[in-house]
Amino acid sequence: MLSSCYRYNLQKSVNATSLLRCASTIAPSQSNLGGSTTTKTATTVTSVDKKGTGPSSFQTCKILDEHSDTKPNIVVLGSGWGAISFLKTIDTKKYNVSLISPRNYFLFTPLLPSTPVGTVDEKSIIEPVVNFALKKKGNVTYYEAEATSINPERNTVSIDRVSSMIKPNLKQSNPQKVVGIKKNDPVEIKYDYLVSAVGAEPNTFGIPGVKEHGHFLKEIPNSIEIRNAISTNLEMANFLPEGDPERKRLLTIVVVGGGPTGVETAGELQDYVTQELKKYLPSLAKEVNIHLVEALPIVLNMFEKKLSSYAQSVLEEASIKLHLNTAVGKVEADHLVAKTKNPDGTVTESTMPYGTLIWATGNKIRPIIKNLTTKIPEQANSTRAICVNPFLTVKGSSNIFAIGDNAFI
């Protein structure tokens, strides 16, 4: 079941070529862009976001521009494929690099579907961000924080709070000692160039009940939640007699989404049932039902038809129940309502009870990127990602770049 996983990883690696383009486009001599004068100072207090009148209508925060040399400052948002690939590629002898991400490790996402059932341990698919920074000889700073806003008019990035600030070369992680900021202080970080690699977030398509009752599979905590939910349902079902409707519901796992993540997850779950659960709890294993729901007529529609057809036949042979041409319309705590388009054009509505629901239908634009599109007139029609040119420069900007899932060429 891992073949699609490695193909997916191969697709992701194509971004490395684009990153080289991005890195070569940044010119060290251009340190004053967008009409903003960059002054190399320590922590500065400024007034921003004027609302109404009077002193009380100003919100103050600190702007960090702590690098005292003349090298341009590059701020990178994210710690995923795009951000880490860029960090590995950029020449930190020519640039000061600051990386901002609430997640202090890189996650090898193609193997994430293997973690809920224990095929792969979560610790084996992560690598601390600091490990990548330590391999660079220049000035690299990591802020463990979430960026909330990109401000192109000021060439800054706003962050709500800084959990930690690590400068590997200084072996220092206390932000108050390094630049004089405290935890939970609102801060803006100055940049000469910005590389946005924040990725995307799970898309619910506005379907009621998905966020409340479904489990996403995007990060390590999601994997742990799914494992706990399945384990709890197995224990509860074991106390109920065979033939009990509640036992049948608890042993039903529904995966929504026939893309790489959904297909891989369904396959890993079925392997777990047939190879592990059958060995230790055979009475439960024979009653576990795994359903894969896809709104399109075929799974893995983004791949060539030969591969999609092969994947579908493998899933069917593994006793995974496929529901193609089936769109979920509503999710309740113990069941979902779906509509299936029949070959004759008619639509049949059905109710599908479940014990565990895994939602893997795709991605949507993150709020920080959506907010940025409102600040750049050329991005007015960007809805699913920010629009970039072939050199990954954000259209309408000369010093903001976007790579990975948050960008669209």
Protein backbone atom coordinates (compact mmCIF):
# COMPACT_ATOMS: atom_id res chain seq x y z
CA MET A 1 0.00 0.00 0.00
CA LEU A 2 3.06 2.26 0.12
CA SER A 3 3.54 2.61 -3.66
CA SER A 4 1.29 5.64 -3.94
CA CYS A 5 3.06 7.12 -0.91
CA TYR A 6 6.44 7.15 -2.65
CA ARG A 7 4.95 8.44 -5.89
CA TYR A 8 3.43 11.27 -3.87
CA ASN A 9 6.82 12.02 -2.34
CA LEU A 10 8.36 12.08 -5.81
CA GLN A 11 5.89 14.75 -6.85
CA LYS A 12 6.78 16.83 -3.80
CA SER A 13 10.49 16.68 -4.61
CA VAL A 14 9.88 18.49 -7.91
CA ASN A 15 9.61 21.70 -5.84
CA ALA A 16 13.36 21.60 -5.25
CA THR A 17 14.01 22.74 -8.84
CA SER A 18 11.66 25.66 -8.39
CA LEU A 19 13.38 26.54 -5.12
CA LEU A 20 16.67 26.93 -6.94
CA ARG A 21 14.97 29.38 -9.27
CA CYS A 22 13.59 31.24 -6.28
CA ALA A 23 16.96 31.41 -4.53
CA SER A 24 18.76 32.60 -7.67
CA THR A 25 16.18 35.34 -8.20
CA ILE A 26 16.98 36.98 -4.83
CA ALA A 27 19.75 39.49 -5.37
CA PRO A 28 21.92 40.41 -2.37
CA SER A 29 22.28 43.99 -3.58
CA GLN A 30 18.55 44.72 -3.30
CA SER A 31 18.03 45.42 0.39
CA ASN A 32 15.65 48.37 0.00
CA LEU A 33 12.41 47.40 -1.75
CA GLY A 34 8.84 48.56 -1.78
CA GLY A 35 9.78 52.12 -0.85
CA SER A 36 10.72 51.09 2.69
CA THR A 37 14.08 52.03 4.18
CA THR A 38 15.63 49.17 6.12
CA THR A 39 17.56 50.32 9.17
CA LYS A 40 19.61 47.73 11.00
CA THR A 41 18.57 48.33 14.60
CA ALA A 42 17.72 46.29 17.63
CA THR A 43 14.19 46.02 19.01
CA THR A 44 12.05 49.03 18.13
CA VAL A 45 8.61 50.04 19.40
CA THR A 46 6.19 51.37 16.80
CA SER A 47 2.50 52.24 16.46
CA VAL A 48 0.48 50.33 13.87
CA ASP A 49 -3.08 49.69 12.78
CA LYS A 50 -4.66 53.04 13.57
CA LYS A 51 -8.35 52.75 14.40
CA GLY A 52 -10.48 55.78 15.18
CA THR A 53 -8.83 58.73 16.90
CA GLY A 54 -6.92 59.43 20.07
CA PRO A 55 -3.91 57.68 21.65
CA SER A 56 -5.97 54.71 22.84
CA SER A 57 -6.84 53.80 19.25
CA PHE A 58 -3.24 52.80 18.45
CA GLN A 59 -1.95 49.26 18.95
CA THR A 60 1.75 49.03 19.71
CA CYS A 61 4.08 46.15 19.09
CA LYS A 62 7.78 45.55 18.69
CA ILE A 63 9.42 45.33 15.29
CA LEU A 64 12.43 43.04 15.26
CA ASP A 65 15.32 43.85 12.97
CA GLU A 66 18.07 42.46 15.12
CA HIS A 67 20.72 41.82 12.46
CA SER A 68 23.42 44.48 12.66
CA ASP A 69 25.27 43.64 9.43
CA THR A 70 24.48 44.77 5.90
CA LYS A 71 23.28 41.41 4.60
CA PRO A 72 19.64 41.26 3.44
CA ASN A 73 17.17 39.58 5.80
CA ILE A 74 15.10 36.69 4.48
CA VAL A 75 12.11 35.56 6.52
CA VAL A 76 10.78 32.07 5.77
CA LEU A 77 7.31 31.04 6.94
CA GLY A 78 6.78 27.33 7.61
CA SER A 79 8.78 24.21 8.43
CA GLY A 80 7.52 21.84 5.76
CA TRP A 81 8.84 20.67 2.40
CA GLY A 82 9.14 24.10 0.81
CA ALA A 83 10.63 25.92 3.79
CA ILE A 84 13.22 23.27 4.67
CA SER A 85 14.22 22.74 1.03
CA PHE A 86 14.76 26.48 0.71
CA LEU A 87 16.77 26.62 3.93
CA LYS A 88 19.01 23.82 2.66
CA THR A 89 19.49 25.61 -0.66
CA ILE A 90 20.01 29.26 0.29
CA ASP A 91 23.53 30.59 0.86
CA THR A 92 23.40 31.83 4.46
CA LYS A 93 26.81 33.48 4.06
CA LYS A 94 25.10 36.08 1.88
CA TYR A 95 21.79 36.39 3.73
CA ASN A 96 20.45 36.48 7.27
CA VAL A 97 17.67 33.87 7.43
CA SER A 98 14.83 33.81 9.96
CA LEU A 99 12.45 30.85 9.94
CA ILE A 100 9.04 31.17 11.63
CA SER A 101 6.83 28.17 12.39
CA PRO A 102 4.75 26.92 15.34
CA ARG A 103 5.92 23.40 14.49
CA ASN A 104 9.56 22.99 15.49
CA TYR A 105 10.18 19.97 13.30
CA PHE A 106 9.98 18.87 9.68
CA LEU A 107 7.36 16.18 9.03
CA PHE A 108 7.76 13.54 6.31
CA THR A 109 4.08 13.65 5.33
CA PRO A 110 3.98 10.74 2.82
CA LEU A 111 4.43 8.29 5.69
CA LEU A 112 1.92 10.00 7.99
CA PRO A 113 -0.94 7.62 7.00
CA SER A 114 1.18 4.75 8.33
CA THR A 115 1.44 6.17 11.85
CA PRO A 116 -2.10 5.78 13.28
CA VAL A 117 -1.81 1.98 13.16
CA GLY A 118 1.84 1.82 14.21
CA THR A 119 3.37 0.69 10.92
CA VAL A 120 5.69 3.65 11.32
CA ASP A 121 6.34 5.47 14.58
CA GLU A 122 5.74 9.23 14.65
CA LYS A 123 9.24 9.91 15.97
CA SER A 124 10.80 8.28 12.93
CA ILE A 125 9.24 10.67 10.40
CA ILE A 126 10.17 13.99 12.02
CA GLU A 127 13.41 15.97 12.11
CA PRO A 128 13.96 19.04 14.35
CA VAL A 129 14.26 22.34 12.50
CA VAL A 130 17.39 23.14 14.51
CA ASN A 131 19.17 20.17 12.94
CA PHE A 132 18.84 21.77 9.52
CA ALA A 133 19.86 25.20 10.86
CA LEU A 134 22.99 23.78 12.50
CA LYS A 135 24.25 22.66 9.09
CA LYS A 136 24.29 26.26 7.84
CA LYS A 137 27.37 28.41 8.48
CA GLY A 138 25.64 31.78 8.33
CA ASN A 139 23.17 33.59 10.58
CA VAL A 140 20.00 31.49 10.95
CA THR A 141 17.30 32.22 13.54
CA TYR A 142 14.29 30.05 14.31
CA TYR A 143 11.15 31.51 15.94
CA GLU A 144 8.74 28.95 17.36
CA ALA A 145 5.64 31.02 16.70
CA GLU A 146 2.67 31.29 14.36
CA ALA A 147 2.65 34.10 11.83
CA THR A 148 -0.73 35.82 11.83
CA SER A 149 -0.30 38.50 9.17
CA ILE A 150 1.99 39.51 6.33
CA ASN A 151 2.31 43.29 6.01
CA PRO A 152 3.77 44.13 2.57
CA GLU A 153 3.35 47.87 3.14
CA ARG A 154 5.82 47.66 6.06
CA ASN A 155 7.85 44.64 4.96
CA THR A 156 7.06 42.87 8.22
CA VAL A 157 5.43 39.67 9.44
CA SER A 158 3.20 39.79 12.54
CA ILE A 159 3.33 37.03 15.13
CA ASP A 160 1.15 36.80 18.24
CA ARG A 161 3.55 35.09 20.59
CA VAL A 162 7.04 33.59 20.57
CA SER A 163 7.33 30.28 22.44
CA SER A 164 11.06 30.16 21.84
CA MET A 165 13.70 31.78 19.68
CA ILE A 166 16.70 29.69 18.73
CA LYS A 167 19.94 30.99 17.28
CA PRO A 168 21.94 27.75 16.84
CA ASN A 169 25.25 29.53 16.37
CA LEU A 170 24.75 31.35 19.69
CA LYS A 171 23.30 28.28 21.42
CA GLN A 172 20.57 30.51 22.81
CA SER A 173 16.81 29.86 22.97
CA ASN A 174 15.53 32.54 25.35
CA PRO A 175 13.97 35.32 23.23
CA GLN A 176 14.13 37.82 26.10
CA LYS A 177 17.89 37.40 26.42
CA VAL A 178 18.48 37.47 22.66
CA VAL A 179 16.35 40.41 21.51
CA GLY A 180 14.51 41.59 24.62
CA ILE A 181 11.07 40.16 23.91
CA LYS A 182 8.94 38.14 26.30
CA LYS A 183 6.67 35.20 25.64
CA ASN A 184 3.23 36.21 24.33
CA ASP A 185 4.52 39.64 23.26
CA PRO A 186 3.01 40.79 19.92
CA VAL A 187 5.92 41.15 17.53
CA GLU A 188 6.59 42.13 13.94
CA ILE A 189 9.68 40.75 12.22
CA LYS A 190 11.28 42.86 9.53
CA TYR A 191 12.25 41.35 6.20
CA ASP A 192 13.93 42.41 2.97
CA TYR A 193 12.61 39.25 1.30
CA LEU A 194 9.83 36.94 2.40
CA VAL A 195 9.41 33.29 1.41
CA SER A 196 5.95 31.95 2.26
CA ALA A 197 5.81 28.17 2.60
CA VAL A 198 2.92 27.73 5.04
CA GLY A 199 1.19 25.06 2.97
CA ALA A 200 -2.57 24.61 3.13
CA GLU A 201 -5.16 23.41 5.62
CA PRO A 202 -7.80 20.63 5.37
CA ASN A 203 -10.84 21.55 3.32
CA THR A 204 -14.28 20.70 4.72
CA PHE A 205 -16.13 22.33 1.79
CA GLY A 206 -18.47 23.86 4.33
CA ILE A 207 -20.10 20.50 5.09
CA PRO A 208 -21.83 20.64 8.50
CA GLY A 209 -20.37 18.47 11.25
CA VAL A 210 -16.99 17.67 9.69
CA LYS A 211 -14.89 19.75 12.09
CA GLU A 212 -16.89 18.57 15.10
CA HIS A 213 -16.94 14.83 14.38
CA GLY A 214 -14.27 14.06 11.77
CA HIS A 215 -10.53 13.46 12.13
CA PHE A 216 -8.09 15.13 9.76
CA LEU A 217 -4.72 13.59 8.90
CA LYS A 218 -2.41 16.55 8.40
CA GLU A 219 -0.14 16.63 11.46
CA ILE A 220 1.28 14.31 14.12
CA PRO A 221 -1.46 15.18 16.70
CA ASN A 222 -4.07 14.09 14.13
CA SER A 223 -2.42 10.68 13.91
CA ILE A 224 -2.52 10.25 17.68
CA GLU A 225 -6.19 11.30 17.80
CA ILE A 226 -7.10 8.71 15.16
CA ARG A 227 -5.21 5.97 16.98
CA ASN A 228 -6.91 6.80 20.26
CA ALA A 229 -10.34 6.89 18.63
CA ILE A 230 -9.88 3.49 16.97
CA SER A 231 -8.47 1.92 20.13
CA THR A 232 -11.35 3.27 22.23
CA ASN A 233 -13.94 1.96 19.78
CA LEU A 234 -12.33 -1.47 19.70
CA GLU A 235 -12.40 -1.68 23.49
CA MET A 236 -16.02 -0.54 23.66
CA ALA A 237 -17.08 -2.97 20.92
CA ASN A 238 -15.37 -5.85 22.70
CA PHE A 239 -17.84 -5.48 25.60
CA LEU A 240 -20.88 -5.75 23.31
CA PRO A 241 -22.31 -9.02 21.98
CA GLU A 242 -21.99 -10.04 18.35
CA GLY A 243 -24.88 -8.80 16.26
CA ASP A 244 -25.38 -5.68 18.35
CA PRO A 245 -25.94 -2.66 16.02
CA GLU A 246 -23.79 -0.47 18.25
CA ARG A 247 -20.93 -2.97 18.02
CA LYS A 248 -21.20 -2.89 14.23
CA ARG A 249 -21.14 0.92 14.22
CA LEU A 250 -18.09 1.12 16.49
CA LEU A 251 -16.21 -1.28 14.20
CA THR A 252 -16.96 0.78 11.09
CA ILE A 253 -14.23 3.14 9.86
CA VAL A 254 -15.08 5.61 7.10
CA VAL A 255 -12.36 7.41 5.13
CA VAL A 256 -13.64 10.30 3.01
CA GLY A 257 -11.42 11.26 0.10
CA GLY A 258 -9.98 9.11 -2.68
CA GLY A 259 -6.71 11.00 -3.10
CA PRO A 260 -3.23 9.80 -2.04
CA THR A 261 -3.85 10.38 1.68
CA GLY A 262 -7.28 8.72 1.73
CA VAL A 263 -6.20 5.70 -0.31
CA GLU A 264 -3.03 5.18 1.70
CA THR A 265 -4.90 5.54 5.00
CA ALA A 266 -7.59 3.04 4.01
CA GLY A 267 -4.92 0.58 2.89
CA GLU A 268 -2.92 0.90 6.09
CA LEU A 269 -6.06 0.39 8.20
CA GLN A 270 -6.99 -2.74 6.28
CA ASP A 271 -3.46 -4.12 6.62
CA TYR A 272 -3.63 -3.50 10.36
CA VAL A 273 -6.92 -5.39 10.62
CA THR A 274 -5.79 -8.41 8.61
CA GLN A 275 -2.21 -8.64 9.90
CA GLU A 276 -2.33 -7.43 13.52
CA LEU A 277 -5.86 -7.22 14.88
CA LYS A 278 -6.73 -10.64 13.47
CA LYS A 279 -3.87 -12.11 15.48
CA TYR A 280 -4.87 -10.65 18.86
CA LEU A 281 -8.62 -10.02 18.59
CA PRO A 282 -9.89 -12.29 15.81
CA SER A 283 -13.53 -11.96 16.88
CA LEU A 284 -13.37 -8.19 16.34
CA ALA A 285 -11.18 -8.26 13.25
CA LYS A 286 -13.72 -10.21 11.22
CA GLU A 287 -16.36 -7.55 11.90
CA VAL A 288 -14.32 -4.44 11.13
CA ASN A 289 -15.56 -2.65 8.01
CA ILE A 290 -13.53 -0.01 6.20
CA HIS A 291 -15.29 2.29 3.75
CA LEU A 292 -13.64 4.69 1.29
CA VAL A 293 -15.91 7.47 0.03
CA GLU A 294 -15.02 9.47 -3.10
CA ALA A 295 -17.15 12.05 -4.92
CA LEU A 296 -15.52 11.31 -8.30
CA PRO A 297 -15.99 8.12 -10.34
CA ILE A 298 -12.41 6.94 -9.70
CA VAL A 299 -9.80 7.10 -6.95
CA LEU A 300 -6.44 8.85 -7.42
CA ASN A 301 -7.89 10.88 -10.28
CA MET A 302 -4.77 13.09 -10.39
CA PHE A 303 -2.66 10.15 -11.61
CA GLU A 304 -2.76 8.39 -14.95
CA LYS A 305 -5.75 6.12 -15.52
CA LYS A 306 -3.72 2.90 -15.49
CA LEU A 307 -2.42 3.58 -11.99
CA SER A 308 -5.84 4.69 -10.72
CA SER A 309 -7.50 1.54 -12.02
CA TYR A 310 -4.81 -0.64 -10.48
CA ALA A 311 -5.15 1.10 -7.10
CA GLN A 312 -8.92 0.63 -7.22
CA SER A 313 -8.59 -3.10 -7.93
CA VAL A 314 -6.11 -3.51 -5.05
CA LEU A 315 -8.48 -1.77 -2.64
CA GLU A 316 -11.40 -3.95 -3.71
CA GLU A 317 -9.32 -7.12 -3.33
CA ALA A 318 -8.41 -5.98 0.19
CA SER A 319 -12.12 -5.94 1.13
CA ILE A 320 -12.29 -2.16 1.37
CA LYS A 321 -15.78 -1.01 0.44
CA LEU A 322 -15.57 1.70 -2.21
CA HIS A 323 -18.32 4.30 -2.57
CA LEU A 324 -17.59 6.18 -5.80
CA ASN A 325 -19.66 9.07 -7.16
CA THR A 326 -20.69 9.60 -3.56
CA ALA A 327 -20.68 13.06 -1.96
CA VAL A 328 -21.05 13.61 1.78
CA GLY A 329 -23.69 16.22 2.59
CA LYS A 330 -23.82 16.15 6.37
CA VAL A 331 -21.94 14.59 9.27
CA GLU A 332 -23.51 13.68 12.61
CA ALA A 333 -21.86 12.24 15.72
CA ASP A 334 -22.58 8.62 14.76
CA HIS A 335 -23.43 8.69 11.05
CA LEU A 336 -23.04 10.66 7.85
CA VAL A 337 -25.52 11.43 5.10
CA ALA A 338 -24.30 10.96 1.52
CA LYS A 339 -25.71 11.17 -1.97
CA THR A 340 -24.65 8.73 -4.68
CA LYS A 341 -25.02 9.46 -8.37
CA ASN A 342 -26.24 6.32 -10.16
CA PRO A 343 -25.29 5.34 -13.76
CA ASP A 344 -28.77 6.32 -14.98
CA GLY A 345 -28.35 9.84 -13.60
CA THR A 346 -30.56 9.44 -10.56
CA VAL A 347 -29.31 10.30 -7.08
CA THR A 348 -29.72 8.05 -4.05
CA GLU A 349 -29.41 9.41 -0.51
CA SER A 350 -28.11 7.04 2.14
CA THR A 351 -27.09 7.06 5.79
CA MET A 352 -23.75 5.51 6.76
CA PRO A 353 -23.11 4.80 10.47
CA TYR A 354 -19.50 5.02 11.60
CA GLY A 355 -17.35 4.69 14.68
CA THR A 356 -14.34 6.59 13.31
CA LEU A 357 -14.46 9.17 10.51
CA ILE A 358 -11.24 10.24 8.77
CA TRP A 359 -11.52 13.28 6.52
CA ALA A 360 -8.94 13.48 3.70
CA THR A 361 -10.68 15.36 0.90
CA GLY A 362 -8.07 17.95 0.02
CA ASN A 363 -6.71 21.33 1.05
CA LYS A 364 -7.73 24.99 1.09
CA ILE A 365 -5.95 28.31 1.44
CA ARG A 366 -4.78 29.29 4.93
CA PRO A 367 -6.16 32.48 6.54
CA ILE A 368 -2.77 34.25 6.52
CA ILE A 369 -2.48 33.78 2.74
CA LYS A 370 -6.13 34.70 2.18
CA ASN A 371 -5.49 37.89 4.13
CA LEU A 372 -2.41 38.66 2.03
CA THR A 373 -4.43 38.42 -1.20
CA THR A 374 -6.63 41.27 0.05
CA LYS A 375 -3.57 43.53 0.40
CA ILE A 376 -2.24 43.02 -3.13
CA PRO A 377 -4.58 44.19 -5.94
CA GLU A 378 -3.11 41.70 -8.43
CA GLN A 379 -4.25 38.85 -6.14
CA ALA A 380 -7.92 39.86 -6.08
CA ASN A 381 -8.99 36.71 -7.95
CA SER A 382 -6.77 34.28 -6.03
CA THR A 383 -9.01 31.89 -4.10
CA ARG A 384 -7.28 28.53 -3.62
CA ALA A 385 -3.67 29.79 -3.33
CA ILE A 386 -1.59 32.87 -3.97
CA CYS A 387 -0.67 33.41 -7.60
CA VAL A 388 3.04 33.44 -8.51
CA ASN A 389 5.05 33.76 -11.70
CA PRO A 390 7.39 31.02 -13.04
CA PHE A 391 10.13 32.33 -10.72
CA LEU A 392 7.80 31.91 -7.70
CA THR A 393 7.54 35.66 -7.12
CA VAL A 394 4.12 36.68 -5.84
CA LYS A 395 2.38 38.68 -8.54
CA GLY A 396 2.05 42.29 -7.42
CA SER A 397 5.16 42.15 -5.23
CA SER A 398 8.88 42.34 -5.89
CA ASN A 399 10.18 40.84 -2.64
CA ILE A 400 7.62 38.20 -1.60
CA PHE A 401 7.97 34.63 -2.84
CA ALA A 402 5.64 31.66 -2.33
CA ILE A 403 6.46 27.96 -2.66
CA GLY A 404 4.61 24.71 -2.07
CA ASP A 405 0.89 24.23 -1.53
CA ASN A 406 0.24 27.89 -0.71
CA ALA A 407 1.33 28.92 -4.24
CA PHE A 408 -0.28 28.55 -7.64
CA ILE A 409 1.40 29.31 -10.95
